[in-house]
């Protein structure tokens, strides 16, 4: 996700939800979806608008919200998802880009808290290798049919890139957003992508800090496999 270079048009559904409150586009994803912030800093709501079906994300948010801080769902409809804001700012806010070590350690600790806090046995959502391979065209599956053995099943975020973690004023993880792919998988499916994203956002080498904060030694085989699987889905 990136901040929009120029303000996009505000869809009618966002105008209706805003009901006269300030509206600002804050994120654009690679598929053309736009997230709008509604309200001021102290009373924020967000409306994601996309050509994709967002009902699956709404279901995941409602489920995960029973256990961890994620955006409460206020409404969902054809091509839009309305959520309440959480305290904190994205881990790629300029404040935290200027403090990469603190931000990266918060990312690692926050992902560990998410994995520890979401119960695998209660999770109805699947992000396993077979489920993900089934969504790929046959040519994109090449070289991915023999995954490494599962090391530890957790409920994965599904897009554990740095922008999807929120940090509080003290630089601690205080929530996660963008959980449309949340589901049960080997924890390395998240760890591989989370550490891949560090290089997109923070200059320097920060993977060791991330893994130390998470509490695991790097596993090059699993990291390599799950990064290839991630890239195959782009």
C-alpha atoms as a PDB file:
ATOM      1  CA  UNK A   1       0.000   0.000   0.000  1.00  0.00           C
ATOM      2  CA  UNK A   2       1.070   3.555  -0.655  1.00  0.00           C
ATOM      3  CA  UNK A   3      -0.250   7.022   0.029  1.00  0.00           C
ATOM      4  CA  UNK A   4      -2.043   8.414  -3.048  1.00  0.00           C
ATOM      5  CA  UNK A   5       0.024  10.869  -5.083  1.00  0.00           C
ATOM      6  CA  UNK A   6      -3.070  12.902  -5.943  1.00  0.00           C
ATOM      7  CA  UNK A   7      -6.459  12.859  -4.199  1.00  0.00           C
ATOM      8  CA  UNK A   8      -8.757  10.337  -5.925  1.00  0.00           C
ATOM      9  CA  UNK A   9     -12.480  10.992  -6.395  1.00  0.00           C
ATOM     10  CA  UNK A  10     -14.548  10.307  -3.283  1.00  0.00           C
ATOM     11  CA  UNK A  11     -17.173   7.617  -4.017  1.00  0.00           C
ATOM     12  CA  UNK A  12     -20.815   8.212  -3.143  1.00  0.00           C
ATOM     13  CA  UNK A  13     -20.755   5.572  -0.403  1.00  0.00           C
ATOM     14  CA  UNK A  14     -17.932   7.431   1.362  1.00  0.00           C
ATOM     15  CA  UNK A  15     -19.781  10.735   1.049  1.00  0.00           C
ATOM     16  CA  UNK A  16     -22.852   9.102   2.575  1.00  0.00           C
ATOM     17  CA  UNK A  17     -20.934   7.578   5.483  1.00  0.00           C
ATOM     18  CA  UNK A  18     -19.004  10.784   6.128  1.00  0.00           C
ATOM     19  CA  UNK A  19     -22.226  12.804   6.469  1.00  0.00           C
ATOM     20  CA  UNK A  20     -20.373  16.082   6.216  1.00  0.00           C
ATOM     21  CA  UNK A  21     -17.279  15.065   8.161  1.00  0.00           C
ATOM     22  CA  UNK A  22     -13.792  15.555   6.670  1.00  0.00           C
ATOM     23  CA  UNK A  23     -12.677  12.877   4.190  1.00  0.00           C
ATOM     24  CA  UNK A  24      -9.133  12.097   3.086  1.00  0.00           C
ATOM     25  CA  UNK A  25      -7.709   9.262   0.973  1.00  0.00           C
ATOM     26  CA  UNK A  26      -4.878   7.692   2.970  1.00  0.00           C
ATOM     27  CA  UNK A  27      -3.936   4.452   1.184  1.00  0.00           C
ATOM     28  CA  UNK A  28      -4.037   3.031  -2.335  1.00  0.00           C
ATOM     29  CA  UNK A  29      -3.308  -0.664  -2.849  1.00  0.00           C
ATOM     30  CA  UNK A  30      -1.791  -2.388  -5.861  1.00  0.00           C
ATOM     31  CA  UNK A  31      -5.238  -3.478  -7.101  1.00  0.00           C
ATOM     32  CA  UNK A  32      -6.592   0.047  -7.189  1.00  0.00           C
ATOM     33  CA  UNK A  33      -8.514  -0.068  -3.923  1.00  0.00           C
ATOM     34  CA  UNK A  34      -8.562   3.115  -1.858  1.00  0.00           C
ATOM     35  CA  UNK A  35      -8.927   3.585   1.897  1.00  0.00           C
ATOM     36  CA  UNK A  36     -10.472   6.861   3.029  1.00  0.00           C
ATOM     37  CA  UNK A  37     -10.204   8.352   6.506  1.00  0.00           C
ATOM     38  CA  UNK A  38     -13.427   9.900   7.765  1.00  0.00           C
ATOM     39  CA  UNK A  39     -13.479  12.359  10.656  1.00  0.00           C
ATOM     40  CA  UNK A  40     -10.784  14.189  12.546  1.00  0.00           C
ATOM     41  CA  UNK A  41      -7.791  12.821  14.410  1.00  0.00           C
ATOM     42  CA  UNK A  42      -9.745  12.146  17.605  1.00  0.00           C
ATOM     43  CA  UNK A  43     -12.759  10.456  15.988  1.00  0.00           C
ATOM     44  CA  UNK A  44     -11.445   8.486  13.049  1.00  0.00           C
ATOM     45  CA  UNK A  45     -13.272   5.986  10.906  1.00  0.00           C
ATOM     46  CA  UNK A  46     -12.099   4.369   7.692  1.00  0.00           C
ATOM     47  CA  UNK A  47     -13.856   3.250   4.531  1.00  0.00           C
ATOM     48  CA  UNK A  48     -12.062   0.857   2.205  1.00  0.00           C
ATOM     49  CA  UNK A  49     -13.440   0.915  -1.345  1.00  0.00           C
ATOM     50  CA  UNK A  50     -12.468  -1.847  -3.752  1.00  0.00           C
ATOM     51  CA  UNK A  51     -13.658  -3.885  -6.702  1.00  0.00           C
ATOM     52  CA  UNK A  52     -12.973  -6.965  -4.558  1.00  0.00           C
ATOM     53  CA  UNK A  53     -15.503  -8.582  -2.237  1.00  0.00           C
ATOM     54  CA  UNK A  54     -14.709  -7.217   1.225  1.00  0.00           C
ATOM     55  CA  UNK A  55     -17.166  -9.384   3.137  1.00  0.00           C
ATOM     56  CA  UNK A  56     -14.433 -11.964   3.824  1.00  0.00           C
ATOM     57  CA  UNK A  57     -12.291  -9.303   5.467  1.00  0.00           C
ATOM     58  CA  UNK A  58     -15.252  -8.167   7.558  1.00  0.00           C
ATOM     59  CA  UNK A  59     -15.759 -11.745   8.784  1.00  0.00           C
ATOM     60  CA  UNK A  60     -12.107 -12.044   9.731  1.00  0.00           C
ATOM     61  CA  UNK A  61     -12.090  -8.725  11.565  1.00  0.00           C
ATOM     62  CA  UNK A  62     -15.157  -9.693  13.576  1.00  0.00           C
ATOM     63  CA  UNK A  63     -13.590 -13.006  14.529  1.00  0.00           C
ATOM     64  CA  UNK A  64     -10.107 -11.660  15.341  1.00  0.00           C
ATOM     65  CA  UNK A  65     -11.577  -8.768  17.309  1.00  0.00           C
ATOM     66  CA  UNK A  66     -12.675 -11.221  19.975  1.00  0.00           C
ATOM     67  CA  UNK A  67      -9.019 -11.806  20.841  1.00  0.00           C
ATOM     68  CA  UNK A  68      -6.795  -8.992  19.557  1.00  0.00           C
ATOM     69  CA  UNK A  69      -7.045  -5.245  18.789  1.00  0.00           C
ATOM     70  CA  UNK A  70      -8.220  -4.944  15.180  1.00  0.00           C
ATOM     71  CA  UNK A  71     -10.581  -2.385  13.609  1.00  0.00           C
ATOM     72  CA  UNK A  72     -14.224  -2.895  14.679  1.00  0.00           C
ATOM     73  CA  UNK A  73     -16.540  -3.368  11.692  1.00  0.00           C
ATOM     74  CA  UNK A  74     -19.191  -0.645  11.435  1.00  0.00           C
ATOM     75  CA  UNK A  75     -20.653  -1.737   8.114  1.00  0.00           C
ATOM     76  CA  UNK A  76     -19.937  -3.638   4.916  1.00  0.00           C
ATOM     77  CA  UNK A  77     -21.510  -3.637   1.485  1.00  0.00           C
ATOM     78  CA  UNK A  78     -20.866  -4.202  -2.193  1.00  0.00           C
ATOM     79  CA  UNK A  79     -17.280  -3.044  -2.674  1.00  0.00           C
ATOM     80  CA  UNK A  80     -16.863  -1.194   0.616  1.00  0.00           C
ATOM     81  CA  UNK A  81     -15.912  -1.832   4.247  1.00  0.00           C
ATOM     82  CA  UNK A  82     -16.469   0.702   7.045  1.00  0.00           C
ATOM     83  CA  UNK A  83     -14.435   0.327  10.238  1.00  0.00           C
ATOM     84  CA  UNK A  84     -13.689   2.297  13.366  1.00  0.00           C
ATOM     85  CA  UNK A  85     -10.163   3.563  13.815  1.00  0.00           C
ATOM     86  CA  UNK A  86      -7.741   2.238  16.402  1.00  0.00           C
ATOM     87  CA  UNK A  87      -5.315   4.241  18.532  1.00  0.00           C
ATOM     88  CA  UNK A  88      -1.825   4.592  17.153  1.00  0.00           C
ATOM     89  CA  UNK A  89      -0.254   5.178  13.755  1.00  0.00           C
ATOM     90  CA  UNK A  90       1.175   2.922  11.073  1.00  0.00           C
ATOM     91  CA  UNK A  91       4.669   1.559  11.638  1.00  0.00           C
ATOM     92  CA  UNK A  92       5.667   3.380   8.443  1.00  0.00           C
ATOM     93  CA  UNK A  93       4.596   6.783   9.786  1.00  0.00           C
ATOM     94  CA  UNK A  94       7.514   9.245   9.380  1.00  0.00           C
ATOM     95  CA  UNK A  95       8.059   9.199  13.137  1.00  0.00           C
ATOM     96  CA  UNK A  96       8.828   5.485  13.059  1.00  0.00           C
ATOM     97  CA  UNK A  97      10.692   5.496   9.764  1.00  0.00           C
ATOM     98  CA  UNK A  98      13.128   7.775  11.577  1.00  0.00           C
ATOM     99  CA  UNK A  99      13.448   5.191  14.397  1.00  0.00           C
ATOM    100  CA  UNK A 100      13.797   1.943  12.448  1.00  0.00           C
ATOM    101  CA  UNK A 101      15.238  -0.234  15.209  1.00  0.00           C
ATOM    102  CA  UNK A 102      12.430   0.606  17.616  1.00  0.00           C
ATOM    103  CA  UNK A 103       9.811   0.157  14.900  1.00  0.00           C
ATOM    104  CA  UNK A 104      11.195  -3.181  13.717  1.00  0.00           C
ATOM    105  CA  UNK A 105      11.353  -4.568  17.233  1.00  0.00           C
ATOM    106  CA  UNK A 106       7.743  -3.517  17.756  1.00  0.00           C
ATOM    107  CA  UNK A 107       6.788  -5.277  14.523  1.00  0.00           C
ATOM    108  CA  UNK A 108       8.394  -8.508  15.684  1.00  0.00           C
ATOM    109  CA  UNK A 109       6.890  -8.370  19.159  1.00  0.00           C
ATOM    110  CA  UNK A 110       3.511  -7.399  17.739  1.00  0.00           C
ATOM    111  CA  UNK A 111       3.407 -10.286  15.288  1.00  0.00           C
ATOM    112  CA  UNK A 112       4.360 -12.699  18.063  1.00  0.00           C
ATOM    113  CA  UNK A 113       1.524 -11.331  20.213  1.00  0.00           C
ATOM    114  CA  UNK A 114      -0.899 -11.787  17.316  1.00  0.00           C
ATOM    115  CA  UNK A 115       0.219 -15.374  16.730  1.00  0.00           C
ATOM    116  CA  UNK A 116       0.061 -16.204  20.433  1.00  0.00           C
ATOM    117  CA  UNK A 117      -3.280 -14.484  20.939  1.00  0.00           C
ATOM    118  CA  UNK A 118      -5.391 -15.980  18.137  1.00  0.00           C
ATOM    119  CA  UNK A 119      -6.600 -19.546  18.831  1.00  0.00           C
ATOM    120  CA  UNK A 120      -5.859 -21.955  15.994  1.00  0.00           C
ATOM    121  CA  UNK A 121      -8.526 -24.459  17.032  1.00  0.00           C
ATOM    122  CA  UNK A 122     -11.241 -21.794  16.952  1.00  0.00           C
ATOM    123  CA  UNK A 123     -10.234 -20.240  13.620  1.00  0.00           C
ATOM    124  CA  UNK A 124     -12.520 -21.015  10.649  1.00  0.00           C
ATOM    125  CA  UNK A 125     -10.178 -19.455   8.074  1.00  0.00           C
ATOM    126  CA  UNK A 126      -7.475 -21.215   6.040  1.00  0.00           C
ATOM    127  CA  UNK A 127      -4.271 -19.717   4.633  1.00  0.00           C
ATOM    128  CA  UNK A 128      -2.425 -22.991   4.182  1.00  0.00           C
ATOM    129  CA  UNK A 129      -0.126 -23.793   1.283  1.00  0.00           C
ATOM    130  CA  UNK A 130      -2.731 -26.041  -0.442  1.00  0.00           C
ATOM    131  CA  UNK A 131      -5.372 -23.315  -0.155  1.00  0.00           C
ATOM    132  CA  UNK A 132      -3.043 -20.705  -1.619  1.00  0.00           C
ATOM    133  CA  UNK A 133      -1.743 -22.944  -4.395  1.00  0.00           C
ATOM    134  CA  UNK A 134      -5.330 -23.688  -5.418  1.00  0.00           C
ATOM    135  CA  UNK A 135      -5.783 -19.988  -6.181  1.00  0.00           C
ATOM    136  CA  UNK A 136      -2.773 -19.851  -8.523  1.00  0.00           C
ATOM    137  CA  UNK A 137      -2.719 -20.617 -12.222  1.00  0.00           C
ATOM    138  CA  UNK A 138      -0.751 -23.837 -12.924  1.00  0.00           C
ATOM    139  CA  UNK A 139       2.345 -22.064 -14.317  1.00  0.00           C
ATOM    140  CA  UNK A 140       2.662 -20.029 -11.115  1.00  0.00           C
ATOM    141  CA  UNK A 141       2.670 -23.182  -8.976  1.00  0.00           C
ATOM    142  CA  UNK A 142       5.902 -24.405 -10.542  1.00  0.00           C
ATOM    143  CA  UNK A 143       8.498 -25.135  -7.880  1.00  0.00           C
ATOM    144  CA  UNK A 144       6.021 -24.630  -5.034  1.00  0.00           C
ATOM    145  CA  UNK A 145       4.368 -28.047  -4.854  1.00  0.00           C
ATOM    146  CA  UNK A 146       6.801 -29.399  -2.234  1.00  0.00           C
ATOM    147  CA  UNK A 147       6.684 -27.038   0.770  1.00  0.00           C
ATOM    148  CA  UNK A 148       8.881 -27.533   3.832  1.00  0.00           C
ATOM    149  CA  UNK A 149       7.236 -29.321   6.774  1.00  0.00           C
ATOM    150  CA  UNK A 150       5.049 -27.132   8.943  1.00  0.00           C
ATOM    151  CA  UNK A 151       7.063 -25.855  11.889  1.00  0.00           C
ATOM    152  CA  UNK A 152       4.231 -24.332  13.942  1.00  0.00           C
ATOM    153  CA  UNK A 153       0.629 -23.653  13.016  1.00  0.00           C
ATOM    154  CA  UNK A 154      -0.713 -20.253  14.046  1.00  0.00           C
ATOM    155  CA  UNK A 155      -3.434 -17.924  12.858  1.00  0.00           C
ATOM    156  CA  UNK A 156      -1.462 -15.822  10.392  1.00  0.00           C
ATOM    157  CA  UNK A 157      -2.162 -12.190   9.592  1.00  0.00           C
ATOM    158  CA  UNK A 158      -1.965 -12.910   5.874  1.00  0.00           C
ATOM    159  CA  UNK A 159      -0.274  -9.620   4.959  1.00  0.00           C
ATOM    160  CA  UNK A 160       2.142  -8.929   7.797  1.00  0.00           C
ATOM    161  CA  UNK A 161       3.913  -6.094   5.993  1.00  0.00           C
ATOM    162  CA  UNK A 162       5.056  -3.166   8.114  1.00  0.00           C
ATOM    163  CA  UNK A 163       2.246  -0.723   7.159  1.00  0.00           C
ATOM    164  CA  UNK A 164      -0.355  -3.092   8.603  1.00  0.00           C
ATOM    165  CA  UNK A 165       0.965  -2.808  12.169  1.00  0.00           C
ATOM    166  CA  UNK A 166      -0.032   0.128  14.380  1.00  0.00           C
ATOM    167  CA  UNK A 167       2.278   1.560  17.038  1.00  0.00           C
ATOM    168  CA  UNK A 168       1.345   3.620  20.077  1.00  0.00           C
ATOM    169  CA  UNK A 169       3.076   6.735  21.401  1.00  0.00           C
ATOM    170  CA  UNK A 170       5.684   4.589  23.156  1.00  0.00           C
ATOM    171  CA  UNK A 171       6.494   2.583  20.034  1.00  0.00           C
ATOM    172  CA  UNK A 172       4.672  -0.588  21.042  1.00  0.00           C
ATOM    173  CA  UNK A 173       2.344  -2.547  18.800  1.00  0.00           C
ATOM    174  CA  UNK A 174      -1.248  -1.588  19.561  1.00  0.00           C
ATOM    175  CA  UNK A 175      -3.138  -3.251  16.713  1.00  0.00           C
ATOM    176  CA  UNK A 176      -3.194  -4.752  13.241  1.00  0.00           C
ATOM    177  CA  UNK A 177      -5.137  -3.808  10.109  1.00  0.00           C
ATOM    178  CA  UNK A 178      -5.836  -5.216   6.625  1.00  0.00           C
ATOM    179  CA  UNK A 179      -6.633  -8.785   7.660  1.00  0.00           C
ATOM    180  CA  UNK A 180      -8.368  -9.915   4.484  1.00  0.00           C
ATOM    181  CA  UNK A 181      -6.184 -13.040   4.168  1.00  0.00           C
ATOM    182  CA  UNK A 182      -6.069 -13.997   7.859  1.00  0.00           C
ATOM    183  CA  UNK A 183      -6.066 -17.752   8.357  1.00  0.00           C
ATOM    184  CA  UNK A 184      -4.338 -20.813   9.793  1.00  0.00           C
ATOM    185  CA  UNK A 185      -0.885 -21.541   8.366  1.00  0.00           C
ATOM    186  CA  UNK A 186       2.715 -22.152   9.371  1.00  0.00           C
ATOM    187  CA  UNK A 187       3.960 -19.070  11.177  1.00  0.00           C
ATOM    188  CA  UNK A 188       6.758 -18.785   8.610  1.00  0.00           C
ATOM    189  CA  UNK A 189       4.180 -17.726   6.030  1.00  0.00           C
ATOM    190  CA  UNK A 190       3.879 -14.475   7.999  1.00  0.00           C
ATOM    191  CA  UNK A 191       7.483 -14.255   9.168  1.00  0.00           C
ATOM    192  CA  UNK A 192       8.870 -14.511   5.641  1.00  0.00           C
ATOM    193  CA  UNK A 193       6.718 -11.670   4.352  1.00  0.00           C
ATOM    194  CA  UNK A 194       7.102  -9.491   7.433  1.00  0.00           C
ATOM    195  CA  UNK A 195      10.888  -9.557   7.129  1.00  0.00           C
ATOM    196  CA  UNK A 196      10.730  -9.112   3.351  1.00  0.00           C
ATOM    197  CA  UNK A 197       8.798  -5.889   3.869  1.00  0.00           C
ATOM    198  CA  UNK A 198      11.466  -4.435   6.148  1.00  0.00           C
ATOM    199  CA  UNK A 199      13.643  -3.704   3.143  1.00  0.00           C
ATOM    200  CA  UNK A 200      10.796  -1.833   1.462  1.00  0.00           C
ATOM    201  CA  UNK A 201      10.350   0.549   4.371  1.00  0.00           C
ATOM    202  CA  UNK A 202      13.468   0.831   6.543  1.00  0.00           C
ATOM    203  CA  UNK A 203      16.982   1.457   5.230  1.00  0.00           C
ATOM    204  CA  UNK A 204      19.590  -0.923   6.568  1.00  0.00           C
ATOM    205  CA  UNK A 205      19.582  -4.513   7.784  1.00  0.00           C
ATOM    206  CA  UNK A 206      16.947  -5.116  10.462  1.00  0.00           C
ATOM    207  CA  UNK A 207      15.956  -8.767  10.151  1.00  0.00           C
ATOM    208  CA  UNK A 208      17.998  -9.838  13.174  1.00  0.00           C
ATOM    209  CA  UNK A 209      16.219  -7.250  15.327  1.00  0.00           C
ATOM    210  CA  UNK A 210      12.864  -8.494  14.064  1.00  0.00           C
ATOM    211  CA  UNK A 211      13.581 -12.157  14.757  1.00  0.00           C
ATOM    212  CA  UNK A 212      15.012 -11.356  18.192  1.00  0.00           C
ATOM    213  CA  UNK A 213      11.872  -9.430  19.109  1.00  0.00           C
ATOM    214  CA  UNK A 214       9.645 -12.214  17.780  1.00  0.00           C
ATOM    215  CA  UNK A 215      11.697 -14.839  19.606  1.00  0.00           C
ATOM    216  CA  UNK A 216      12.832 -17.238  16.882  1.00  0.00           C
ATOM    217  CA  UNK A 217      15.970 -18.000  14.897  1.00  0.00           C
ATOM    218  CA  UNK A 218      15.800 -17.347  11.145  1.00  0.00           C
ATOM    219  CA  UNK A 219      14.961 -20.392   9.016  1.00  0.00           C
ATOM    220  CA  UNK A 220      16.373 -19.739   5.527  1.00  0.00           C
ATOM    221  CA  UNK A 221      14.586 -22.683   3.890  1.00  0.00           C
ATOM    222  CA  UNK A 222      11.134 -21.705   5.116  1.00  0.00           C
ATOM    223  CA  UNK A 223      11.781 -18.009   4.539  1.00  0.00           C
ATOM    224  CA  UNK A 224      12.792 -18.697   0.947  1.00  0.00           C
ATOM    225  CA  UNK A 225       9.813 -20.927   0.228  1.00  0.00           C
ATOM    226  CA  UNK A 226       7.179 -18.618   1.665  1.00  0.00           C
ATOM    227  CA  UNK A 227       8.647 -15.593  -0.086  1.00  0.00           C
ATOM    228  CA  UNK A 228       8.441 -17.435  -3.408  1.00  0.00           C
ATOM    229  CA  UNK A 229       4.849 -18.392  -2.650  1.00  0.00           C
ATOM    230  CA  UNK A 230       4.044 -14.777  -1.773  1.00  0.00           C
ATOM    231  CA  UNK A 231       5.603 -13.471  -4.970  1.00  0.00           C
ATOM    232  CA  UNK A 232       3.742 -16.069  -7.034  1.00  0.00           C
ATOM    233  CA  UNK A 233       0.482 -14.585  -5.816  1.00  0.00           C
ATOM    234  CA  UNK A 234       1.309 -11.031  -6.898  1.00  0.00           C
END
